[in-house]
PDB file of N, CA and C in Angstrom:
ATOM      1  N   MET A   1     -32.676   6.764  28.016  1.00  0.00           N
ATOM      2  CA  MET A   1     -32.156   8.169  28.315  1.00  0.00           C
ATOM      3  C   MET A   1     -30.789   7.739  28.867  1.00  0.00           C
ATOM      4  N   THR A   2     -30.197   8.562  27.555  1.00  0.00           N
ATOM      5  CA  THR A   2     -28.586   8.420  28.348  1.00  0.00           C
ATOM      6  C   THR A   2     -28.454   9.651  29.404  1.00  0.00           C
ATOM      7  N   SER A   3     -27.915   9.201  30.673  1.00  0.00           N
ATOM      8  CA  SER A   3     -27.143  10.296  31.439  1.00  0.00           C
ATOM      9  C   SER A   3     -25.570  10.431  30.931  1.00  0.00           C
ATOM     10  N   LEU A   4     -25.270  12.110  31.105  1.00  0.00           N
ATOM     11  CA  LEU A   4     -23.529  12.071  30.856  1.00  0.00           C
ATOM     12  C   LEU A   4     -23.108  11.855  32.262  1.00  0.00           C
ATOM     13  N   THR A   5     -21.989  11.350  32.241  1.00  0.00           N
ATOM     14  CA  THR A   5     -21.181  11.525  33.665  1.00  0.00           C
ATOM     15  C   THR A   5     -20.465  12.669  33.711  1.00  0.00           C
ATOM     16  N   LYS A   6     -20.332  13.160  35.033  1.00  0.00           N
ATOM     17  CA  LYS A   6     -19.600  14.637  35.542  1.00  0.00           C
ATOM     18  C   LYS A   6     -18.670  14.868  34.339  1.00  0.00           C
ATOM     19  N   LYS A   7     -17.331  13.829  34.007  1.00  0.00           N
ATOM     20  CA  LYS A   7     -16.464  14.162  33.055  1.00  0.00           C
ATOM     21  C   LYS A   7     -16.705  14.327  31.686  1.00  0.00           C
ATOM     22  N   SER A   8     -17.817  13.476  30.972  1.00  0.00           N
ATOM     23  CA  SER A   8     -18.508  13.702  30.091  1.00  0.00           C
ATOM     24  C   SER A   8     -19.597  15.115  29.649  1.00  0.00           C
ATOM     25  N   ARG A   9     -20.056  15.570  30.997  1.00  0.00           N
ATOM     26  CA  ARG A   9     -20.623  16.866  30.942  1.00  0.00           C
ATOM     27  C   ARG A   9     -19.100  17.835  30.728  1.00  0.00           C
ATOM     28  N   HIS A  10     -18.283  17.704  31.178  1.00  0.00           N
ATOM     29  CA  HIS A  10     -17.346  18.653  31.678  1.00  0.00           C
ATOM     30  C   HIS A  10     -16.480  18.566  30.262  1.00  0.00           C
ATOM     31  N   ASP A  11     -16.327  17.530  29.542  1.00  0.00           N
ATOM     32  CA  ASP A  11     -15.771  17.032  27.529  1.00  0.00           C
ATOM     33  C   ASP A  11     -16.489  18.303  26.969  1.00  0.00           C
ATOM     34  N   VAL A  12     -17.712  17.751  27.065  1.00  0.00           N
ATOM     35  CA  VAL A  12     -19.419  18.924  26.227  1.00  0.00           C
ATOM     36  C   VAL A  12     -18.932  19.867  26.419  1.00  0.00           C
ATOM     37  N   THR A  13     -18.998  20.404  27.843  1.00  0.00           N
ATOM     38  CA  THR A  13     -18.926  21.980  28.043  1.00  0.00           C
ATOM     39  C   THR A  13     -17.355  22.652  27.543  1.00  0.00           C
ATOM     40  N   MET A  14     -16.291  21.711  27.191  1.00  0.00           N
ATOM     41  CA  MET A  14     -15.600  22.589  26.566  1.00  0.00           C
ATOM     42  C   MET A  14     -15.099  22.540  25.210  1.00  0.00           C
ATOM     43  N   LEU A  15     -15.577  21.260  24.752  1.00  0.00           N
ATOM     44  CA  LEU A  15     -15.824  21.226  23.256  1.00  0.00           C
ATOM     45  C   LEU A  15     -16.874  22.527  22.908  1.00  0.00           C
ATOM     46  N   MET A  16     -17.998  23.102  23.741  1.00  0.00           N
ATOM     47  CA  MET A  16     -18.724  23.812  23.150  1.00  0.00           C
ATOM     48  C   MET A  16     -17.918  25.493  23.213  1.00  0.00           C
ATOM     49  N   TRP A  17     -17.471  25.233  24.303  1.00  0.00           N
ATOM     50  CA  TRP A  17     -16.598  26.936  24.447  1.00  0.00           C
ATOM     51  C   TRP A  17     -15.453  27.050  23.708  1.00  0.00           C
ATOM     52  N   LEU A  18     -14.531  25.478  23.258  1.00  0.00           N
ATOM     53  CA  LEU A  18     -13.648  26.070  21.910  1.00  0.00           C
ATOM     54  C   LEU A  18     -14.588  26.173  20.749  1.00  0.00           C
ATOM     55  N   MET A  19     -15.689  25.713  20.352  1.00  0.00           N
ATOM     56  CA  MET A  19     -16.504  25.912  19.097  1.00  0.00           C
ATOM     57  C   MET A  19     -16.803  27.118  19.411  1.00  0.00           C
ATOM     58  N   MET A  20     -16.981  27.914  20.042  1.00  0.00           N
ATOM     59  CA  MET A  20     -17.863  28.948  20.313  1.00  0.00           C
ATOM     60  C   MET A  20     -16.608  30.180  20.096  1.00  0.00           C
ATOM     61  N   GLY A  21     -15.180  29.816  20.770  1.00  0.00           N
ATOM     62  CA  GLY A  21     -14.208  30.931  19.631  1.00  0.00           C
ATOM     63  C   GLY A  21     -13.838  30.596  18.739  1.00  0.00           C
ATOM     64  N   ALA A  22     -13.860  29.348  18.298  1.00  0.00           N
ATOM     65  CA  ALA A  22     -13.437  28.844  16.711  1.00  0.00           C
ATOM     66  C   ALA A  22     -14.348  30.193  15.720  1.00  0.00           C
ATOM     67  N   PHE A  23     -15.718  30.215  16.128  1.00  0.00           N
ATOM     68  CA  PHE A  23     -16.629  30.822  15.372  1.00  0.00           C
ATOM     69  C   PHE A  23     -16.531  32.528  15.758  1.00  0.00           C
ATOM     70  N   LYS A  24     -16.043  32.978  16.813  1.00  0.00           N
ATOM     71  CA  LYS A  24     -15.933  33.979  17.023  1.00  0.00           C
ATOM     72  C   LYS A  24     -15.876  35.303  15.844  1.00  0.00           C
ATOM     73  N   LYS A  25     -16.329  36.423  15.882  1.00  0.00           N
ATOM     74  CA  LYS A  25     -16.418  37.241  14.763  1.00  0.00           C
ATOM     75  C   LYS A  25     -15.065  37.650  14.747  1.00  0.00           C
ATOM     76  N   PRO A  26     -14.224  37.672  13.957  1.00  0.00           N
ATOM     77  CA  PRO A  26     -13.283  38.746  13.850  1.00  0.00           C
ATOM     78  C   PRO A  26     -13.105  40.073  14.113  1.00  0.00           C
ATOM     79  N   ARG A  27     -12.022  40.521  14.773  1.00  0.00           N
ATOM     80  CA  ARG A  27     -11.966  42.115  15.009  1.00  0.00           C
ATOM     81  C   ARG A  27     -12.559  42.865  13.812  1.00  0.00           C
ATOM     82  N   LYS A  28     -12.919  43.580  13.975  1.00  0.00           N
ATOM     83  CA  LYS A  28     -13.070  45.061  12.457  1.00  0.00           C
ATOM     84  C   LYS A  28     -12.074  45.697  12.542  1.00  0.00           C
ATOM     85  N   GLN A  29     -11.144  45.972  11.691  1.00  0.00           N
ATOM     86  CA  GLN A  29     -10.030  46.849  11.541  1.00  0.00           C
ATOM     87  C   GLN A  29     -10.699  47.991  11.461  1.00  0.00           C
ATOM     88  N   GLN A  30      -9.589  48.910  11.912  1.00  0.00           N
ATOM     89  CA  GLN A  30     -10.013  50.293  12.132  1.00  0.00           C
ATOM     90  C   GLN A  30      -8.821  51.662  10.887  1.00  0.00           C
ATOM     91  N   LEU A  31      -9.721  52.119   9.957  1.00  0.00           N
ATOM     92  CA  LEU A  31      -9.201  52.637   8.927  1.00  0.00           C
ATOM     93  C   LEU A  31      -9.093  54.404   9.166  1.00  0.00           C
ATOM     94  N   SER A  32      -8.174  55.173   9.272  1.00  0.00           N
ATOM     95  CA  SER A  32      -8.913  56.674   9.713  1.00  0.00           C
ATOM     96  C   SER A  32      -7.342  57.130   8.854  1.00  0.00           C
ATOM     97  N   CYS A  33      -8.158  58.160   8.068  1.00  0.00           N
ATOM     98  CA  CYS A  33      -7.312  58.953   7.264  1.00  0.00           C
ATOM     99  C   CYS A  33      -7.329  60.065   7.042  1.00  0.00           C
ATOM    100  N   VAL A  34      -6.763  61.692   7.558  1.00  0.00           N
ATOM    101  CA  VAL A  34      -7.120  62.522   7.381  1.00  0.00           C
ATOM    102  C   VAL A  34      -6.259  63.540   6.907  1.00  0.00           C
ATOM    103  N   GLN A  35      -6.414  64.578   6.188  1.00  0.00           N
ATOM    104  CA  GLN A  35      -5.822  65.259   5.546  1.00  0.00           C
ATOM    105  C   GLN A  35      -5.095  66.418   6.667  1.00  0.00           C
ATOM    106  N   GLY A  36      -3.977  66.704   6.661  1.00  0.00           N
ATOM    107  CA  GLY A  36      -3.379  68.069   7.872  1.00  0.00           C
ATOM    108  C   GLY A  36      -2.217  68.419   7.316  1.00  0.00           C
ATOM    109  N   THR A  37      -1.756  69.416   7.552  1.00  0.00           N
ATOM    110  CA  THR A  37      -0.580  69.873   7.572  1.00  0.00           C
ATOM    111  C   THR A  37       0.719  69.552   8.022  1.00  0.00           C
ATOM    112  N   LEU A  38       1.506  68.981   6.878  1.00  0.00           N
ATOM    113  CA  LEU A  38       2.516  68.138   7.418  1.00  0.00           C
ATOM    114  C   LEU A  38       3.801  69.058   6.888  1.00  0.00           C
ATOM    115  N   PRO A  39       5.037  69.046   7.448  1.00  0.00           N
ATOM    116  CA  PRO A  39       6.338  69.520   6.788  1.00  0.00           C
ATOM    117  C   PRO A  39       6.489  69.298   5.325  1.00  0.00           C
ATOM    118  N   PRO A  40       7.040  70.064   4.262  1.00  0.00           N
ATOM    119  CA  PRO A  40       7.405  70.199   3.031  1.00  0.00           C
ATOM    120  C   PRO A  40       7.862  68.832   2.668  1.00  0.00           C
ATOM    121  N   ASN A  41       8.421  67.991   3.072  1.00  0.00           N
ATOM    122  CA  ASN A  41       8.598  66.954   2.655  1.00  0.00           C
ATOM    123  C   ASN A  41       8.340  65.642   2.696  1.00  0.00           C
ATOM    124  N   LEU A  42       7.298  65.674   3.688  1.00  0.00           N
ATOM    125  CA  LEU A  42       6.816  64.750   4.198  1.00  0.00           C
ATOM    126  C   LEU A  42       4.847  64.345   3.333  1.00  0.00           C
ATOM    127  N   PHE A  43       4.530  63.145   2.788  1.00  0.00           N
ATOM    128  CA  PHE A  43       3.817  62.870   2.307  1.00  0.00           C
ATOM    129  C   PHE A  43       2.317  62.252   3.590  1.00  0.00           C
ATOM    130  N   ALA A  44       3.375  61.486   4.404  1.00  0.00           N
ATOM    131  CA  ALA A  44       2.423  60.992   5.619  1.00  0.00           C
ATOM    132  C   ALA A  44       2.879  60.815   6.589  1.00  0.00           C
ATOM    133  N   ILE A  45       2.374  60.582   7.341  1.00  0.00           N
ATOM    134  CA  ILE A  45       2.731  60.072   9.209  1.00  0.00           C
ATOM    135  C   ILE A  45       1.457  59.101   9.111  1.00  0.00           C
ATOM    136  N   VAL A  46       1.940  57.486   9.250  1.00  0.00           N
ATOM    137  CA  VAL A  46       1.379  56.592   9.627  1.00  0.00           C
ATOM    138  C   VAL A  46       1.200  55.932  10.770  1.00  0.00           C
ATOM    139  N   ARG A  47       0.811  55.570  11.453  1.00  0.00           N
ATOM    140  CA  ARG A  47       0.285  54.317  12.741  1.00  0.00           C
ATOM    141  C   ARG A  47      -0.015  53.264  12.355  1.00  0.00           C
ATOM    142  N   VAL A  48       0.359  52.074  12.756  1.00  0.00           N
ATOM    143  CA  VAL A  48      -0.256  51.061  12.383  1.00  0.00           C
ATOM    144  C   VAL A  48      -0.191  50.491  13.743  1.00  0.00           C
ATOM    145  N   SER A  49      -0.996  49.601  14.304  1.00  0.00           N
ATOM    146  CA  SER A  49      -1.149  48.861  15.240  1.00  0.00           C
ATOM    147  C   SER A  49      -1.563  47.717  15.150  1.00  0.00           C
ATOM    148  N   TRP A  50      -0.419  46.228  15.256  1.00  0.00           N
ATOM    149  CA  TRP A  50      -0.918  45.018  15.069  1.00  0.00           C
ATOM    150  C   TRP A  50      -1.197  44.485  16.651  1.00  0.00           C
ATOM    151  N   PHE A  51      -1.924  43.721  15.776  1.00  0.00           N
ATOM    152  CA  PHE A  51      -2.992  42.484  17.208  1.00  0.00           C
ATOM    153  C   PHE A  51      -2.737  41.239  17.268  1.00  0.00           C
ATOM    154  N   LYS A  52      -2.699  40.719  18.481  1.00  0.00           N
ATOM    155  CA  LYS A  52      -2.469  39.047  18.534  1.00  0.00           C
ATOM    156  C   LYS A  52      -3.143  38.866  19.262  1.00  0.00           C
ATOM    157  N   GLN A  53      -4.428  37.657  19.078  1.00  0.00           N
ATOM    158  CA  GLN A  53      -5.286  37.466  20.059  1.00  0.00           C
ATOM    159  C   GLN A  53      -6.431  38.286  20.647  1.00  0.00           C
ATOM    160  N   GLY A  54      -6.439  39.522  19.538  1.00  0.00           N
ATOM    161  CA  GLY A  54      -7.710  40.242  19.798  1.00  0.00           C
ATOM    162  C   GLY A  54      -7.239  41.541  20.685  1.00  0.00           C
ATOM    163  N   LYS A  55      -5.668  41.453  21.070  1.00  0.00           N
ATOM    164  CA  LYS A  55      -4.910  42.332  21.869  1.00  0.00           C
ATOM    165  C   LYS A  55      -3.967  43.165  21.233  1.00  0.00           C
ATOM    166  N   ILE A  56      -3.577  44.298  21.598  1.00  0.00           N
ATOM    167  CA  ILE A  56      -2.394  45.188  20.365  1.00  0.00           C
ATOM    168  C   ILE A  56      -0.947  44.543  21.747  1.00  0.00           C
ATOM    169  N   TYR A  57       0.143  44.295  20.347  1.00  0.00           N
ATOM    170  CA  TYR A  57       1.040  43.586  20.675  1.00  0.00           C
ATOM    171  C   TYR A  57       2.122  44.189  20.360  1.00  0.00           C
ATOM    172  N   ALA A  58       2.020  45.562  19.100  1.00  0.00           N
ATOM    173  CA  ALA A  58       3.023  46.694  18.679  1.00  0.00           C
ATOM    174  C   ALA A  58       2.659  47.893  18.130  1.00  0.00           C
ATOM    175  N   VAL A  59       3.268  48.564  17.868  1.00  0.00           N
ATOM    176  CA  VAL A  59       2.481  49.502  17.247  1.00  0.00           C
ATOM    177  C   VAL A  59       4.109  50.267  16.237  1.00  0.00           C
ATOM    178  N   GLU A  60       3.639  50.670  15.122  1.00  0.00           N
ATOM    179  CA  GLU A  60       4.600  51.392  14.523  1.00  0.00           C
ATOM    180  C   GLU A  60       4.121  52.600  13.938  1.00  0.00           C
ATOM    181  N   GLU A  61       5.427  53.864  13.914  1.00  0.00           N
ATOM    182  CA  GLU A  61       4.579  55.095  13.122  1.00  0.00           C
ATOM    183  C   GLU A  61       6.114  55.106  12.681  1.00  0.00           C
ATOM    184  N   MET A  62       5.522  55.841  11.583  1.00  0.00           N
ATOM    185  CA  MET A  62       6.290  55.960  10.446  1.00  0.00           C
ATOM    186  C   MET A  62       6.005  57.307   9.651  1.00  0.00           C
ATOM    187  N   SER A  63       7.339  57.722   9.153  1.00  0.00           N
ATOM    188  CA  SER A  63       6.747  59.322   8.306  1.00  0.00           C
ATOM    189  C   SER A  63       6.970  59.084   6.610  1.00  0.00           C
ATOM    190  N   ILE A  64       6.739  59.151   6.145  1.00  0.00           N
ATOM    191  CA  ILE A  64       6.505  58.984   4.649  1.00  0.00           C
ATOM    192  C   ILE A  64       7.155  59.897   3.755  1.00  0.00           C
ATOM    193  N   GLU A  65       8.243  60.304   3.600  1.00  0.00           N
ATOM    194  CA  GLU A  65       8.436  60.983   2.692  1.00  0.00           C
ATOM    195  C   GLU A  65       8.158  61.401   0.986  1.00  0.00           C
ATOM    196  N   ASP A  66       7.462  62.348   0.590  1.00  0.00           N
ATOM    197  CA  ASP A  66       7.108  62.898  -0.515  1.00  0.00           C
ATOM    198  C   ASP A  66       8.173  62.191  -1.689  1.00  0.00           C
ATOM    199  N   ALA A  67       7.923  61.427  -2.555  1.00  0.00           N
ATOM    200  CA  ALA A  67       8.813  61.015  -3.397  1.00  0.00           C
ATOM    201  C   ALA A  67       8.327  60.832  -5.018  1.00  0.00           C
ATOM    202  N   GLY A  68       6.976  61.746  -5.028  1.00  0.00           N
ATOM    203  CA  GLY A  68       6.564  62.098  -6.382  1.00  0.00           C
ATOM    204  C   GLY A  68       5.328  61.362  -6.580  1.00  0.00           C
ATOM    205  N   ASP A  69       4.882  61.356  -7.388  1.00  0.00           N
ATOM    206  CA  ASP A  69       3.255  60.568  -8.222  1.00  0.00           C
ATOM    207  C   ASP A  69       2.936  59.367  -7.786  1.00  0.00           C
ATOM    208  N   ASP A  70       4.193  58.573  -7.338  1.00  0.00           N
ATOM    209  CA  ASP A  70       3.590  57.092  -6.943  1.00  0.00           C
ATOM    210  C   ASP A  70       3.849  57.141  -5.669  1.00  0.00           C
ATOM    211  N   THR A  71       3.668  58.019  -4.946  1.00  0.00           N
ATOM    212  CA  THR A  71       4.152  58.017  -3.660  1.00  0.00           C
ATOM    213  C   THR A  71       2.594  57.608  -2.772  1.00  0.00           C
ATOM    214  N   GLY A  72       1.383  57.807  -3.281  1.00  0.00           N
ATOM    215  CA  GLY A  72       0.230  57.990  -2.947  1.00  0.00           C
ATOM    216  C   GLY A  72      -0.575  56.487  -3.032  1.00  0.00           C
ATOM    217  N   GLU A  73       0.301  55.912  -4.190  1.00  0.00           N
ATOM    218  CA  GLU A  73      -0.485  54.386  -4.515  1.00  0.00           C
ATOM    219  C   GLU A  73       0.627  53.453  -3.173  1.00  0.00           C
ATOM    220  N   ALA A  74       1.630  54.054  -3.156  1.00  0.00           N
ATOM    221  CA  ALA A  74       2.683  53.055  -2.227  1.00  0.00           C
ATOM    222  C   ALA A  74       1.894  53.091  -0.819  1.00  0.00           C
ATOM    223  N   VAL A  75       1.586  54.646  -0.532  1.00  0.00           N
ATOM    224  CA  VAL A  75       0.912  54.197   0.784  1.00  0.00           C
ATOM    225  C   VAL A  75      -0.301  53.878   1.138  1.00  0.00           C
ATOM    226  N   LEU A  76      -1.144  53.598  -0.144  1.00  0.00           N
ATOM    227  CA  LEU A  76      -2.505  52.767  -0.279  1.00  0.00           C
ATOM    228  C   LEU A  76      -2.042  51.512  -0.356  1.00  0.00           C
ATOM    229  N   GLY A  77      -0.975  51.132  -0.677  1.00  0.00           N
ATOM    230  CA  GLY A  77      -0.732  49.514  -0.822  1.00  0.00           C
ATOM    231  C   GLY A  77      -0.391  48.807   0.559  1.00  0.00           C
ATOM    232  N   LEU A  78       0.403  50.054   1.525  1.00  0.00           N
ATOM    233  CA  LEU A  78       0.844  49.766   2.634  1.00  0.00           C
ATOM    234  C   LEU A  78      -0.255  49.251   3.327  1.00  0.00           C
ATOM    235  N   PHE A  79      -1.594  50.525   3.038  1.00  0.00           N
ATOM    236  CA  PHE A  79      -2.420  50.096   3.730  1.00  0.00           C
ATOM    237  C   PHE A  79      -3.439  49.031   4.041  1.00  0.00           C
ATOM    238  N   LYS A  80      -3.517  48.347   2.843  1.00  0.00           N
ATOM    239  CA  LYS A  80      -4.102  47.406   2.314  1.00  0.00           C
ATOM    240  C   LYS A  80      -3.736  45.772   2.785  1.00  0.00           C
ATOM    241  N   GLU A  81      -2.230  46.221   2.934  1.00  0.00           N
ATOM    242  CA  GLU A  81      -1.332  45.185   3.148  1.00  0.00           C
ATOM    243  C   GLU A  81      -1.433  44.816   4.950  1.00  0.00           C
ATOM    244  N   ALA A  82      -1.691  46.109   5.447  1.00  0.00           N
ATOM    245  CA  ALA A  82      -1.532  46.070   7.089  1.00  0.00           C
ATOM    246  C   ALA A  82      -3.245  45.420   7.684  1.00  0.00           C
ATOM    247  N   LEU A  83      -3.781  46.161   6.843  1.00  0.00           N
ATOM    248  CA  LEU A  83      -5.531  45.766   6.814  1.00  0.00           C
ATOM    249  C   LEU A  83      -5.718  44.346   6.359  1.00  0.00           C
ATOM    250  N   LYS A  84      -4.962  43.520   5.464  1.00  0.00           N
ATOM    251  CA  LYS A  84      -5.328  42.279   5.395  1.00  0.00           C
ATOM    252  C   LYS A  84      -4.493  41.398   6.412  1.00  0.00           C
ATOM    253  N   GLN A  85      -3.468  42.186   7.161  1.00  0.00           N
ATOM    254  CA  GLN A  85      -3.286  41.147   8.237  1.00  0.00           C
ATOM    255  C   GLN A  85      -3.458  41.358   9.569  1.00  0.00           C
ATOM    256  N   GLY A  86      -4.559  42.143   9.375  1.00  0.00           N
ATOM    257  CA  GLY A  86      -5.383  42.771  10.634  1.00  0.00           C
ATOM    258  C   GLY A  86      -4.830  43.776  11.700  1.00  0.00           C
ATOM    259  N   ALA A  87      -4.045  44.390  11.358  1.00  0.00           N
ATOM    260  CA  ALA A  87      -4.161  45.881  11.822  1.00  0.00           C
ATOM    261  C   ALA A  87      -4.612  46.897  11.485  1.00  0.00           C
ATOM    262  N   ASP A  88      -5.068  47.916  12.574  1.00  0.00           N
ATOM    263  CA  ASP A  88      -5.345  49.008  12.406  1.00  0.00           C
ATOM    264  C   ASP A  88      -4.468  50.066  11.679  1.00  0.00           C
ATOM    265  N   VAL A  89      -5.287  51.278  11.094  1.00  0.00           N
ATOM    266  CA  VAL A  89      -3.978  52.240  10.383  1.00  0.00           C
ATOM    267  C   VAL A  89      -4.922  53.356  10.519  1.00  0.00           C
ATOM    268  N   HIS A  90      -4.169  54.179  10.904  1.00  0.00           N
ATOM    269  CA  HIS A  90      -4.211  55.745  11.149  1.00  0.00           C
ATOM    270  C   HIS A  90      -3.516  56.762  10.649  1.00  0.00           C
ATOM    271  N   SER A  91      -3.966  57.672   9.988  1.00  0.00           N
ATOM    272  CA  SER A  91      -2.635  58.596   9.129  1.00  0.00           C
ATOM    273  C   SER A  91      -3.395  59.846   8.822  1.00  0.00           C
ATOM    274  N   ILE A  92      -2.027  60.576   8.604  1.00  0.00           N
ATOM    275  CA  ILE A  92      -2.538  62.292   8.088  1.00  0.00           C
ATOM    276  C   ILE A  92      -1.618  62.380   6.797  1.00  0.00           C
ATOM    277  N   THR A  93      -2.007  62.633   6.129  1.00  0.00           N
ATOM    278  CA  THR A  93      -1.450  62.602   4.695  1.00  0.00           C
ATOM    279  C   THR A  93      -1.683  64.286   4.191  1.00  0.00           C
ATOM    280  N   ALA A  94      -0.947  64.588   3.570  1.00  0.00           N
ATOM    281  CA  ALA A  94      -0.476  65.653   2.778  1.00  0.00           C
ATOM    282  C   ALA A  94      -1.463  66.433   1.806  1.00  0.00           C
ATOM    283  N   CYS A  95      -2.540  64.873   1.296  1.00  0.00           N
ATOM    284  CA  CYS A  95      -3.268  65.588   0.251  1.00  0.00           C
ATOM    285  C   CYS A  95      -4.747  64.809   0.715  1.00  0.00           C
ATOM    286  N   HIS A  96      -5.860  64.873   0.145  1.00  0.00           N
ATOM    287  CA  HIS A  96      -7.225  64.290   0.730  1.00  0.00           C
ATOM    288  C   HIS A  96      -7.004  63.259   0.834  1.00  0.00           C
ATOM    289  N   PRO A  97      -7.719  61.821   1.341  1.00  0.00           N
ATOM    290  CA  PRO A  97      -8.012  60.819   1.457  1.00  0.00           C
ATOM    291  C   PRO A  97      -8.071  60.661  -0.018  1.00  0.00           C
ATOM    292  N   ALA A  98      -9.168  60.928  -0.749  1.00  0.00           N
ATOM    293  CA  ALA A  98      -9.688  60.404  -2.081  1.00  0.00           C
ATOM    294  C   ALA A  98      -8.687  60.525  -2.659  1.00  0.00           C
ATOM    295  N   ASP A  99      -7.724  61.614  -2.475  1.00  0.00           N
ATOM    296  CA  ASP A  99      -6.510  61.336  -3.902  1.00  0.00           C
ATOM    297  C   ASP A  99      -5.904  60.170  -3.953  1.00  0.00           C
ATOM    298  N   ILE A 100      -5.745  59.501  -2.956  1.00  0.00           N
ATOM    299  CA  ILE A 100      -4.973  58.428  -3.045  1.00  0.00           C
ATOM    300  C   ILE A 100      -5.840  57.187  -3.038  1.00  0.00           C
ATOM    301  N   GLY A 101      -7.224  57.559  -2.965  1.00  0.00           N
ATOM    302  CA  GLY A 101      -8.049  55.990  -3.190  1.00  0.00           C
ATOM    303  C   GLY A 101      -8.682  55.684  -1.725  1.00  0.00           C
ATOM    304  N   ILE A 102      -9.008  56.668  -1.215  1.00  0.00           N
ATOM    305  CA  ILE A 102      -9.667  56.385   0.274  1.00  0.00           C
ATOM    306  C   ILE A 102     -11.118  56.607  -0.041  1.00  0.00           C
ATOM    307  N   ASP A 103     -12.025  56.190   0.307  1.00  0.00           N
ATOM    308  CA  ASP A 103     -13.476  56.849   0.068  1.00  0.00           C
ATOM    309  C   ASP A 103     -13.701  57.256   1.508  1.00  0.00           C
ATOM    310  N   PRO A 104     -14.700  58.349   1.678  1.00  0.00           N
ATOM    311  CA  PRO A 104     -14.861  58.617   2.743  1.00  0.00           C
ATOM    312  C   PRO A 104     -15.756  57.817   3.543  1.00  0.00           C
TER     313      PRO A 104
END
């Protein structure tokens, strides 16, 4: 039977600790979109929270003006891209979320 030295045990422990971190489940992104009352020229107010190593490192908030029929599609594209990059997205829109393709 092979016995491990103190340094070998430490190396094995460190390797196991690193492996556990590598297989840790990724943080689940959040998406919330609610219909609300906004000024007439606004389509949505969107807040995007960016994460690094599981912690918030930046928050952006933007007001999106209503630019016609394509605005909902553009907002949905923004949501998808932010979620793909690991951000949380929260918004208030002038229309029902289902109208821009977000399932309840």
